[in-house]
Amino acid sequence: MKRFIKLLLASCIATALPALAQKAQPAAGYPNKSIRLVVPSAPGGGTDIIARMIAQGLTDAWGQTVVVDNRGGAGGMAGVTIVAKQSAPDGYTMLLGSVGHLSFAPAVRSNLGFDPLQDLTPISLAAVQPFVVAAGNALPVRSVKDLVALAKAKPGSISYGSGGSGTASHLGTELLMINGGFSMLHVPYKGSNPAITALMGGELQIAMAGLATVLPHARSGRLKALAVTGEKRAGIAPELPTVAESGVPGYAFDVWYGLVFPGGTPRAIVTKTQAEVVKQLKSPEVSSRFAGAGVEPQTNTPEAFAELIRREVVTWTKVVKAANIKVE
């Protein structure tokens, strides 16, 4: 009987070992060829800059080239769709997406064509970019508290610019108005830079844009930076209070960027990639280069990233519904 049990155990182990080896192989042999990192925007933008820093770090670490593939169009959805619907879940295609691609899009687009939590596999956050509430010099406000008071006293008299309907600057400002209990007139532009130019030219009174975009103009006196939108003050502009500190308690809004694989990518590959990304983003060199681009490195686990996306889809769906925003 004992001999029979030993033979049975040996047989089970012999059967199980190939399966275990097969499961371990994706990470053990990964990567053994070049990797495509899809960026759903044109070269030169914030997402592209972050992607190229990460791509270089992974190339150096793994000895396999990580190629940045810029795929703009359809508000970034063309690039996201390539990864979500047209790529094999083998670890050789990944996406650097933003809050706009992964959380705003499901809230504002009825014909999205993919589910960010079913068709994509989160790896990790990569970076966070604080936005700034900026005012034109002619507007008689010095703080968000002043802005809220003026907007409530003169409903509809203040116009704000955004980078377009459904963008971060649009939804971030709508959330500010909902939380602050006031309203302004929305004027969409084809990008945040044109909106900031219009603000400095007196066509608008308020605009929200990335810290790196606003700060040089604020420091040169061409506009007023009222507050940063994140939960904490920005490291490169500690003199600026948060919106929550300066007039709208509880408000917090950051634009984040994160890496994802196609849905169904093996867990071992996800784990190995996440560990290397965390290592790269903790280096002083990367932190310094990110700071120059107005962003801060930030990482998390695949589970925490998935939960962030899930939670923010719910949040922005409520904002979109309250503001009656539609993007086709």
Protein backbone atom coordinates (compact mmCIF):
# COMPACT_ATOMS: atom_id res chain seq x y z
CA MET A 1 0.00 0.00 0.00
CA LYS A 2 2.82 2.38 0.92
CA ARG A 3 4.52 1.62 -2.38
CA PHE A 4 1.28 2.38 -4.23
CA ILE A 5 0.94 5.76 -2.47
CA LYS A 6 4.54 6.64 -3.32
CA LEU A 7 3.98 5.78 -6.95
CA LEU A 8 0.77 7.82 -6.98
CA LEU A 9 2.53 10.85 -5.47
CA ALA A 10 5.38 10.55 -7.93
CA SER A 11 2.90 10.39 -10.79
CA CYS A 12 1.07 13.51 -9.55
CA ILE A 13 4.33 15.43 -9.18
CA ALA A 14 5.48 14.37 -12.64
CA THR A 15 2.17 15.59 -14.06
CA ALA A 16 2.22 18.88 -12.16
CA LEU A 17 5.83 19.91 -12.84
CA PRO A 18 5.41 20.59 -16.59
CA ALA A 19 2.32 22.70 -15.88
CA LEU A 20 4.16 24.69 -13.20
CA ALA A 21 7.11 25.17 -15.52
CA GLN A 22 4.78 26.37 -18.25
CA LYS A 23 3.21 28.92 -15.89
CA ALA A 24 6.62 30.17 -14.75
CA GLN A 25 8.05 30.44 -18.25
CA PRO A 26 6.37 33.71 -19.35
CA ALA A 27 8.30 35.68 -16.73
CA ALA A 28 11.49 33.59 -16.83
CA GLY A 29 11.97 34.13 -20.56
CA TYR A 30 10.51 37.61 -20.73
CA PRO A 31 11.36 39.74 -22.58
CA ASN A 32 13.25 38.07 -25.42
CA LYS A 33 12.39 40.56 -28.17
CA SER A 34 11.51 44.21 -28.58
CA ILE A 35 8.43 45.68 -26.88
CA ARG A 36 6.03 48.24 -28.31
CA LEU A 37 4.93 51.03 -25.97
CA VAL A 38 1.88 52.70 -27.50
CA VAL A 39 1.35 56.39 -26.70
CA PRO A 40 -2.16 57.57 -27.66
CA SER A 41 -1.02 61.08 -28.65
CA ALA A 42 1.32 62.89 -31.00
CA PRO A 43 5.07 63.17 -30.23
CA GLY A 44 6.16 65.95 -27.90
CA GLY A 45 3.27 66.05 -25.44
CA GLY A 46 3.36 65.21 -21.75
CA THR A 47 2.38 61.56 -22.23
CA ASP A 48 5.02 61.12 -24.92
CA ILE A 49 7.78 62.63 -22.75
CA ILE A 50 6.95 60.32 -19.83
CA ALA A 51 6.74 57.28 -22.14
CA ARG A 52 10.17 57.92 -23.63
CA MET A 53 11.78 58.17 -20.19
CA ILE A 54 10.20 54.86 -19.15
CA ALA A 55 11.06 53.20 -22.47
CA GLN A 56 14.73 54.12 -22.14
CA GLY A 57 14.88 52.82 -18.58
CA LEU A 58 13.31 49.48 -19.49
CA THR A 59 15.54 49.15 -22.55
CA ASP A 60 18.64 49.65 -20.41
CA ALA A 61 17.41 47.24 -17.73
CA TRP A 62 16.24 44.41 -19.98
CA GLY A 63 18.57 44.67 -22.97
CA GLN A 64 15.57 44.62 -25.29
CA THR A 65 14.45 47.74 -27.14
CA VAL A 66 11.22 49.33 -25.97
CA VAL A 67 9.91 51.25 -28.99
CA VAL A 68 7.55 54.18 -28.47
CA ASP A 69 4.71 54.06 -31.00
CA ASN A 70 2.74 57.32 -31.16
CA ARG A 71 -0.86 56.66 -32.17
CA GLY A 72 -2.93 59.83 -31.86
CA GLY A 73 -6.42 60.38 -33.18
CA ALA A 74 -9.98 60.19 -31.87
CA GLY A 75 -8.98 61.88 -28.64
CA GLY A 76 -6.44 59.16 -27.94
CA MET A 77 -8.95 56.35 -28.37
CA ALA A 78 -7.28 55.07 -31.55
CA GLY A 79 -4.11 54.22 -29.63
CA VAL A 80 -5.94 52.72 -26.66
CA THR A 81 -8.04 50.52 -28.95
CA ILE A 82 -4.89 49.09 -30.55
CA VAL A 83 -3.80 47.74 -27.17
CA ALA A 84 -7.25 46.86 -25.81
CA LYS A 85 -8.64 45.12 -28.87
CA GLN A 86 -5.94 44.45 -31.45
CA SER A 87 -2.87 43.22 -29.54
CA ALA A 88 -1.92 39.82 -28.16
CA PRO A 89 -1.75 39.56 -24.34
CA ASP A 90 1.86 38.36 -24.42
CA GLY A 91 3.65 41.29 -22.78
CA TYR A 92 5.09 42.70 -26.01
CA THR A 93 2.59 45.52 -26.39
CA MET A 94 1.80 47.98 -23.61
CA LEU A 95 0.16 51.37 -23.32
CA LEU A 96 0.98 54.51 -21.38
CA GLY A 97 -2.49 55.92 -20.80
CA SER A 98 -3.77 58.79 -18.72
CA VAL A 99 -6.78 59.48 -16.56
CA GLY A 100 -8.37 60.86 -19.72
CA HIS A 101 -7.99 57.62 -21.66
CA LEU A 102 -8.83 55.19 -18.87
CA SER A 103 -11.31 57.02 -16.60
CA PHE A 104 -12.75 60.02 -18.47
CA ALA A 105 -13.41 58.16 -21.72
CA PRO A 106 -15.83 55.57 -20.28
CA ALA A 107 -17.70 58.43 -18.62
CA VAL A 108 -18.02 60.78 -21.61
CA ARG A 109 -18.11 58.45 -24.64
CA SER A 110 -21.13 56.28 -25.36
CA ASN A 111 -19.40 54.46 -28.25
CA LEU A 112 -16.08 53.72 -26.58
CA GLY A 113 -15.67 50.19 -27.92
CA PHE A 114 -13.62 48.84 -25.01
CA ASP A 115 -13.84 48.35 -21.25
CA PRO A 116 -10.69 49.58 -19.48
CA LEU A 117 -11.02 46.99 -16.73
CA GLN A 118 -11.90 44.02 -18.94
CA ASP A 119 -9.84 44.70 -22.06
CA LEU A 120 -6.73 46.08 -20.35
CA THR A 121 -4.49 44.74 -17.57
CA PRO A 122 -3.19 47.45 -15.19
CA ILE A 123 0.55 47.36 -14.41
CA SER A 124 1.25 50.49 -12.35
CA LEU A 125 0.83 54.20 -12.12
CA ALA A 126 3.82 56.03 -13.58
CA ALA A 127 3.38 59.72 -12.87
CA VAL A 128 1.05 62.40 -11.54
CA GLN A 129 0.81 65.92 -12.91
CA PRO A 130 -0.77 68.64 -10.77
CA PHE A 131 -2.95 71.12 -12.61
CA VAL A 132 -3.24 74.80 -11.76
CA VAL A 133 -6.25 77.10 -11.59
CA ALA A 134 -5.02 80.20 -13.41
CA ALA A 135 -6.64 83.64 -13.75
CA GLY A 136 -6.14 86.44 -16.20
CA ASN A 137 -4.49 89.54 -14.78
CA ALA A 138 -7.61 91.65 -15.37
CA LEU A 139 -9.82 89.46 -13.17
CA PRO A 140 -9.95 90.96 -9.65
CA VAL A 141 -9.18 87.75 -7.73
CA ARG A 142 -6.12 86.57 -5.82
CA SER A 143 -7.32 83.18 -4.60
CA VAL A 144 -9.82 80.43 -5.31
CA LYS A 145 -11.89 81.83 -2.44
CA ASP A 146 -12.06 85.17 -4.29
CA LEU A 147 -13.01 83.38 -7.51
CA VAL A 148 -15.86 81.46 -5.86
CA ALA A 149 -17.21 84.64 -4.24
CA LEU A 150 -17.07 86.60 -7.50
CA ALA A 151 -18.65 83.81 -9.55
CA LYS A 152 -21.49 83.50 -7.04
CA ALA A 153 -22.03 87.27 -6.99
CA LYS A 154 -22.05 87.51 -10.81
CA PRO A 155 -23.36 84.21 -12.21
CA GLY A 156 -22.37 83.58 -15.83
CA SER A 157 -20.05 86.57 -16.04
CA ILE A 158 -16.79 84.60 -15.86
CA SER A 159 -15.62 82.43 -18.75
CA TYR A 160 -13.14 79.59 -18.45
CA GLY A 161 -11.17 77.90 -21.17
CA SER A 162 -10.30 74.22 -21.57
CA GLY A 163 -8.38 71.99 -23.93
CA GLY A 164 -11.68 70.73 -25.35
CA SER A 165 -14.86 69.01 -24.21
CA GLY A 166 -14.20 65.96 -22.07
CA THR A 167 -10.53 66.80 -21.45
CA ALA A 168 -8.82 67.04 -18.07
CA SER A 169 -9.03 70.82 -17.97
CA HIS A 170 -12.75 70.67 -18.75
CA LEU A 171 -13.76 67.96 -16.28
CA GLY A 172 -11.42 69.24 -13.57
CA THR A 173 -13.05 72.66 -13.77
CA GLU A 174 -16.54 71.18 -13.79
CA LEU A 175 -15.68 69.24 -10.63
CA LEU A 176 -14.41 72.48 -9.08
CA MET A 177 -17.69 74.25 -9.86
CA ILE A 178 -19.77 71.35 -8.50
CA ASN A 179 -17.77 71.22 -5.27
CA GLY A 180 -17.67 75.00 -4.91
CA GLY A 181 -21.31 75.57 -5.78
CA PHE A 182 -20.75 78.14 -8.53
CA SER A 183 -20.85 78.32 -12.31
CA MET A 184 -18.80 79.73 -15.17
CA LEU A 185 -19.14 79.76 -18.96
CA HIS A 186 -17.16 77.04 -20.75
CA VAL A 187 -15.12 77.97 -23.84
CA PRO A 188 -13.42 74.90 -25.38
CA TYR A 189 -10.16 75.21 -27.33
CA LYS A 190 -8.11 72.70 -29.31
CA GLY A 191 -5.66 72.07 -26.52
CA SER A 192 -4.58 73.59 -23.23
CA ASN A 193 -1.85 75.77 -24.74
CA PRO A 194 -4.31 77.73 -26.93
CA ALA A 195 -6.55 78.19 -23.87
CA ILE A 196 -3.66 79.59 -21.82
CA THR A 197 -2.72 81.89 -24.72
CA ALA A 198 -6.32 83.13 -24.82
CA LEU A 199 -6.24 83.67 -21.06
CA MET A 200 -3.14 85.83 -21.31
CA GLY A 201 -4.71 87.70 -24.23
CA GLY A 202 -7.80 88.62 -22.23
CA GLU A 203 -10.25 86.42 -24.15
CA LEU A 204 -10.93 84.39 -20.98
CA GLN A 205 -10.85 84.96 -17.25
CA ILE A 206 -9.99 81.46 -15.96
CA ALA A 207 -8.24 78.35 -17.25
CA MET A 208 -6.96 75.10 -15.76
CA ALA A 209 -3.80 73.54 -17.17
CA GLY A 210 -0.73 71.53 -16.22
CA LEU A 211 1.75 73.05 -13.80
CA ALA A 212 4.58 73.00 -16.34
CA THR A 213 2.40 74.97 -18.77
CA VAL A 214 1.19 77.59 -16.30
CA LEU A 215 4.18 78.17 -14.03
CA PRO A 216 6.53 80.00 -16.45
CA HIS A 217 3.76 82.46 -17.38
CA ALA A 218 2.79 82.97 -13.73
CA ARG A 219 6.38 83.67 -12.71
CA SER A 220 6.80 86.13 -15.57
CA GLY A 221 3.63 87.96 -14.50
CA ARG A 222 1.56 87.20 -17.61
CA LEU A 223 -1.17 85.49 -15.56
CA LYS A 224 -2.01 84.59 -11.96
CA ALA A 225 -1.63 81.06 -10.59
CA LEU A 226 -4.29 80.74 -7.87
CA ALA A 227 -3.87 77.16 -6.64
CA VAL A 228 -2.78 73.65 -7.55
CA THR A 229 -5.52 71.07 -7.92
CA GLY A 230 -3.94 68.06 -6.19
CA GLU A 231 -4.22 66.76 -2.65
CA LYS A 232 -0.87 68.30 -1.72
CA ARG A 233 1.29 71.20 -2.81
CA ALA A 234 3.60 70.65 -5.77
CA GLY A 235 7.27 70.12 -5.06
CA ILE A 236 8.38 72.55 -7.77
CA ALA A 237 5.94 75.27 -6.68
CA PRO A 238 5.46 74.95 -2.90
CA GLU A 239 4.32 78.56 -2.69
CA LEU A 240 1.02 77.67 -4.39
CA PRO A 241 -1.74 76.45 -2.04
CA THR A 242 -4.05 73.61 -2.97
CA VAL A 243 -7.61 74.35 -4.03
CA ALA A 244 -8.79 72.62 -0.85
CA GLU A 245 -6.62 74.96 1.25
CA SER A 246 -7.76 78.07 -0.52
CA GLY A 247 -11.51 77.95 -0.88
CA VAL A 248 -13.04 74.60 -1.82
CA PRO A 249 -12.48 72.01 0.95
CA GLY A 250 -12.44 68.41 -0.20
CA TYR A 251 -11.52 69.18 -3.79
CA ALA A 252 -8.63 67.18 -5.26
CA PHE A 253 -7.79 66.51 -8.88
CA ASP A 254 -4.57 65.19 -10.40
CA VAL A 255 -3.89 64.04 -13.92
CA TRP A 256 -2.22 60.65 -13.69
CA TYR A 257 -0.44 58.44 -16.20
CA GLY A 258 -0.13 54.67 -15.98
CA LEU A 259 1.02 51.56 -17.82
CA VAL A 260 -1.32 48.78 -18.94
CA PHE A 261 -1.06 45.59 -20.97
CA PRO A 262 -3.84 44.05 -23.08
CA GLY A 263 -6.43 42.19 -21.03
CA GLY A 264 -5.43 38.65 -20.10
CA THR A 265 -1.66 39.22 -19.99
CA PRO A 266 -0.07 36.55 -17.73
CA ARG A 267 0.29 37.61 -14.13
CA ALA A 268 3.98 36.67 -14.03
CA ILE A 269 4.76 39.15 -16.83
CA VAL A 270 2.70 41.86 -15.16
CA THR A 271 4.51 41.32 -11.85
CA LYS A 272 7.97 41.40 -13.44
CA THR A 273 7.17 44.56 -15.42
CA GLN A 274 5.66 46.34 -12.43
CA ALA A 275 8.73 45.60 -10.30
CA GLU A 276 11.08 47.01 -12.94
CA VAL A 277 8.93 50.12 -13.50
CA VAL A 278 8.92 50.83 -9.76
CA LYS A 279 12.69 50.43 -9.68
CA GLN A 280 13.17 52.80 -12.61
CA LEU A 281 10.83 55.49 -11.28
CA LYS A 282 12.49 55.52 -7.87
CA SER A 283 15.86 56.51 -9.32
CA PRO A 284 17.03 60.10 -8.60
CA GLU A 285 17.78 60.64 -12.29
CA VAL A 286 14.22 59.86 -13.37
CA SER A 287 12.76 61.96 -10.54
CA SER A 288 14.86 64.91 -11.67
CA ARG A 289 13.87 64.53 -15.32
CA PHE A 290 10.20 64.15 -14.41
CA ALA A 291 10.35 67.31 -12.28
CA GLY A 292 11.67 69.18 -15.31
CA ALA A 293 8.55 68.09 -17.20
CA GLY A 294 6.27 69.21 -14.36
CA VAL A 295 5.31 65.72 -13.24
CA GLU A 296 6.07 63.56 -10.21
CA PRO A 297 6.85 59.81 -10.36
CA GLN A 298 4.22 57.72 -8.62
CA THR A 299 3.72 53.95 -8.66
CA ASN A 300 1.33 51.41 -7.16
CA THR A 301 0.41 47.74 -7.45
CA PRO A 302 -1.64 46.33 -10.33
CA GLU A 303 -4.53 45.79 -7.90
CA ALA A 304 -4.37 49.35 -6.56
CA PHE A 305 -4.18 50.75 -10.09
CA ALA A 306 -7.23 48.72 -11.14
CA GLU A 307 -9.13 50.02 -8.12
CA LEU A 308 -8.12 53.61 -8.94
CA ILE A 309 -9.47 53.27 -12.48
CA ARG A 310 -12.68 51.65 -11.23
CA ARG A 311 -13.25 54.34 -8.59
CA GLU A 312 -12.53 57.22 -10.94
CA VAL A 313 -14.84 55.94 -13.67
CA VAL A 314 -17.63 56.16 -11.09
CA THR A 315 -16.56 59.66 -9.99
CA TRP A 316 -16.30 61.10 -13.48
CA THR A 317 -19.52 59.48 -14.62
CA LYS A 318 -21.27 61.45 -11.87
CA VAL A 319 -19.51 64.68 -12.91
CA VAL A 320 -20.36 64.14 -16.58
CA LYS A 321 -24.00 63.48 -15.74
CA ALA A 322 -24.26 66.52 -13.45
CA ALA A 323 -22.66 68.79 -16.07
CA ASN A 324 -24.51 67.17 -19.00
CA ILE A 325 -21.27 66.58 -20.94
CA LYS A 326 -21.28 64.47 -24.10
CA VAL A 327 -18.37 63.68 -26.40
CA GLU A 328 -18.85 61.63 -29.56
